[in-house]
């Protein structure tokens, strides 16, 4: 699966637009994670507990989006983006979305 944040893929041409695809995950922070992050915040710098949570959520949303594109018959996703929203305190939705297409070498 080719995925690009641009509207085209160098060396390929779009032969068919399949449609919008998305992958969404909803994550919460654990009490233990919040405690560990609180300790890290005392010392400043990168709060690795939250960084790992954010990276995991984005990776999961990306994989779900790619699977959705494959199910729809696409072999690429263009104009891919991420979005995140806090649903309620401590619970965040992460969305990966883009346009599923079929491409072939130019």
C-alpha atoms as a PDB file:
ATOM      1  CA  UNK A   1       0.000   0.000   0.000  1.00  0.00           C
ATOM      2  CA  UNK A   2       1.456   3.319  -1.088  1.00  0.00           C
ATOM      3  CA  UNK A   3       0.467   6.236   1.145  1.00  0.00           C
ATOM      4  CA  UNK A   4       1.290   9.873   0.484  1.00  0.00           C
ATOM      5  CA  UNK A   5       0.364  13.190   2.041  1.00  0.00           C
ATOM      6  CA  UNK A   6       0.583  14.769  -1.428  1.00  0.00           C
ATOM      7  CA  UNK A   7      -2.105  14.666  -4.104  1.00  0.00           C
ATOM      8  CA  UNK A   8      -0.035  12.505  -6.422  1.00  0.00           C
ATOM      9  CA  UNK A   9       2.670   9.849  -6.358  1.00  0.00           C
ATOM     10  CA  UNK A  10       5.825  10.507  -8.331  1.00  0.00           C
ATOM     11  CA  UNK A  11       6.308   7.777 -10.911  1.00  0.00           C
ATOM     12  CA  UNK A  12       2.668   6.646 -10.779  1.00  0.00           C
ATOM     13  CA  UNK A  13      -0.549   7.759 -12.376  1.00  0.00           C
ATOM     14  CA  UNK A  14      -3.967   7.505 -10.815  1.00  0.00           C
ATOM     15  CA  UNK A  15      -6.194   5.275 -12.948  1.00  0.00           C
ATOM     16  CA  UNK A  16      -9.201   5.210 -10.624  1.00  0.00           C
ATOM     17  CA  UNK A  17     -10.445   7.114  -7.585  1.00  0.00           C
ATOM     18  CA  UNK A  18     -11.994   4.699  -5.094  1.00  0.00           C
ATOM     19  CA  UNK A  19     -13.124   7.172  -2.434  1.00  0.00           C
ATOM     20  CA  UNK A  20     -12.577   8.432   1.070  1.00  0.00           C
ATOM     21  CA  UNK A  21     -10.992   6.011   3.529  1.00  0.00           C
ATOM     22  CA  UNK A  22     -10.429   6.377   7.240  1.00  0.00           C
ATOM     23  CA  UNK A  23      -9.098   4.661  10.288  1.00  0.00           C
ATOM     24  CA  UNK A  24     -10.144   5.765  13.750  1.00  0.00           C
ATOM     25  CA  UNK A  25      -9.052   4.763  17.219  1.00  0.00           C
ATOM     26  CA  UNK A  26     -10.057   6.107  20.617  1.00  0.00           C
ATOM     27  CA  UNK A  27      -7.506   6.016  23.409  1.00  0.00           C
ATOM     28  CA  UNK A  28      -7.523   6.820  27.091  1.00  0.00           C
ATOM     29  CA  UNK A  29      -4.704   7.478  29.481  1.00  0.00           C
ATOM     30  CA  UNK A  30      -4.347   5.080  32.364  1.00  0.00           C
ATOM     31  CA  UNK A  31      -4.003   6.159  35.984  1.00  0.00           C
ATOM     32  CA  UNK A  32      -0.515   4.622  36.062  1.00  0.00           C
ATOM     33  CA  UNK A  33       0.407   6.410  32.821  1.00  0.00           C
ATOM     34  CA  UNK A  34      -0.831   9.717  34.204  1.00  0.00           C
ATOM     35  CA  UNK A  35       1.196   9.169  37.373  1.00  0.00           C
ATOM     36  CA  UNK A  36       4.374   8.375  35.408  1.00  0.00           C
ATOM     37  CA  UNK A  37       3.798  11.366  33.119  1.00  0.00           C
ATOM     38  CA  UNK A  38       3.290  13.593  36.168  1.00  0.00           C
ATOM     39  CA  UNK A  39       6.663  12.551  37.526  1.00  0.00           C
ATOM     40  CA  UNK A  40       8.321  13.126  34.133  1.00  0.00           C
ATOM     41  CA  UNK A  41       6.734  16.579  33.883  1.00  0.00           C
ATOM     42  CA  UNK A  42       8.447  17.630  37.115  1.00  0.00           C
ATOM     43  CA  UNK A  43      11.797  17.306  35.358  1.00  0.00           C
ATOM     44  CA  UNK A  44      10.661  18.857  32.060  1.00  0.00           C
ATOM     45  CA  UNK A  45      11.402  17.707  28.537  1.00  0.00           C
ATOM     46  CA  UNK A  46       9.718  15.004  26.510  1.00  0.00           C
ATOM     47  CA  UNK A  47       7.010  13.118  28.395  1.00  0.00           C
ATOM     48  CA  UNK A  48       7.732   9.712  26.887  1.00  0.00           C
ATOM     49  CA  UNK A  49       4.630   8.026  28.316  1.00  0.00           C
ATOM     50  CA  UNK A  50       2.382  10.354  26.317  1.00  0.00           C
ATOM     51  CA  UNK A  51       4.676  10.298  23.274  1.00  0.00           C
ATOM     52  CA  UNK A  52       4.407   6.508  23.102  1.00  0.00           C
ATOM     53  CA  UNK A  53       0.626   6.684  23.531  1.00  0.00           C
ATOM     54  CA  UNK A  54       0.337   9.236  20.710  1.00  0.00           C
ATOM     55  CA  UNK A  55       2.597   7.225  18.398  1.00  0.00           C
ATOM     56  CA  UNK A  56       0.667   4.021  19.095  1.00  0.00           C
ATOM     57  CA  UNK A  57      -2.672   5.717  18.418  1.00  0.00           C
ATOM     58  CA  UNK A  58      -1.450   7.214  15.128  1.00  0.00           C
ATOM     59  CA  UNK A  59       0.046   3.897  14.006  1.00  0.00           C
ATOM     60  CA  UNK A  60      -3.200   2.080  14.756  1.00  0.00           C
ATOM     61  CA  UNK A  61      -5.310   4.679  12.924  1.00  0.00           C
ATOM     62  CA  UNK A  62      -2.915   4.484   9.950  1.00  0.00           C
ATOM     63  CA  UNK A  63      -3.137   0.675   9.793  1.00  0.00           C
ATOM     64  CA  UNK A  64      -6.935   0.800   9.987  1.00  0.00           C
ATOM     65  CA  UNK A  65      -7.021   3.363   7.160  1.00  0.00           C
ATOM     66  CA  UNK A  66      -4.724   1.232   4.977  1.00  0.00           C
ATOM     67  CA  UNK A  67      -6.889  -1.847   5.654  1.00  0.00           C
ATOM     68  CA  UNK A  68     -10.017   0.129   4.712  1.00  0.00           C
ATOM     69  CA  UNK A  69      -8.363   1.174   1.423  1.00  0.00           C
ATOM     70  CA  UNK A  70      -7.379  -2.422   0.670  1.00  0.00           C
ATOM     71  CA  UNK A  71     -10.923  -3.644   1.382  1.00  0.00           C
ATOM     72  CA  UNK A  72     -12.205  -1.079  -1.117  1.00  0.00           C
ATOM     73  CA  UNK A  73      -9.823  -2.330  -3.825  1.00  0.00           C
ATOM     74  CA  UNK A  74      -7.271   0.488  -3.709  1.00  0.00           C
ATOM     75  CA  UNK A  75      -3.513   0.073  -3.857  1.00  0.00           C
ATOM     76  CA  UNK A  76      -2.668   3.609  -2.682  1.00  0.00           C
ATOM     77  CA  UNK A  77      -3.922   6.478  -0.541  1.00  0.00           C
ATOM     78  CA  UNK A  78      -3.231  10.079  -1.476  1.00  0.00           C
ATOM     79  CA  UNK A  79      -3.781  13.325   0.456  1.00  0.00           C
ATOM     80  CA  UNK A  80      -3.468  11.377   3.728  1.00  0.00           C
ATOM     81  CA  UNK A  81      -3.931  13.380   6.948  1.00  0.00           C
ATOM     82  CA  UNK A  82      -4.248  12.880  10.702  1.00  0.00           C
ATOM     83  CA  UNK A  83      -6.709  14.556  13.015  1.00  0.00           C
ATOM     84  CA  UNK A  84      -7.172  14.232  16.766  1.00  0.00           C
ATOM     85  CA  UNK A  85      -9.935  15.388  19.081  1.00  0.00           C
ATOM     86  CA  UNK A  86     -10.425  15.082  22.790  1.00  0.00           C
ATOM     87  CA  UNK A  87     -13.805  13.411  23.293  1.00  0.00           C
ATOM     88  CA  UNK A  88     -13.712  13.994  27.028  1.00  0.00           C
ATOM     89  CA  UNK A  89     -10.932  14.589  29.509  1.00  0.00           C
ATOM     90  CA  UNK A  90      -8.328  11.873  29.073  1.00  0.00           C
ATOM     91  CA  UNK A  91     -10.036  10.251  26.060  1.00  0.00           C
ATOM     92  CA  UNK A  92      -8.787  11.132  22.591  1.00  0.00           C
ATOM     93  CA  UNK A  93      -9.917  10.131  19.123  1.00  0.00           C
ATOM     94  CA  UNK A  94      -7.230   9.840  16.455  1.00  0.00           C
ATOM     95  CA  UNK A  95      -8.295   9.739  12.827  1.00  0.00           C
ATOM     96  CA  UNK A  96      -6.214   8.926   9.742  1.00  0.00           C
ATOM     97  CA  UNK A  97      -7.923   9.669   6.434  1.00  0.00           C
ATOM     98  CA  UNK A  98      -7.250  10.164   2.767  1.00  0.00           C
ATOM     99  CA  UNK A  99      -8.382   9.391  -0.767  1.00  0.00           C
ATOM    100  CA  UNK A 100      -8.100   5.756  -1.838  1.00  0.00           C
ATOM    101  CA  UNK A 101      -6.962   5.317  -5.431  1.00  0.00           C
ATOM    102  CA  UNK A 102      -5.707   2.722  -7.833  1.00  0.00           C
ATOM    103  CA  UNK A 103      -2.342   3.651  -9.329  1.00  0.00           C
ATOM    104  CA  UNK A 104      -0.040   2.112 -11.882  1.00  0.00           C
ATOM    105  CA  UNK A 105       3.540   2.945 -12.830  1.00  0.00           C
ATOM    106  CA  UNK A 106       3.739   5.911 -15.216  1.00  0.00           C
END
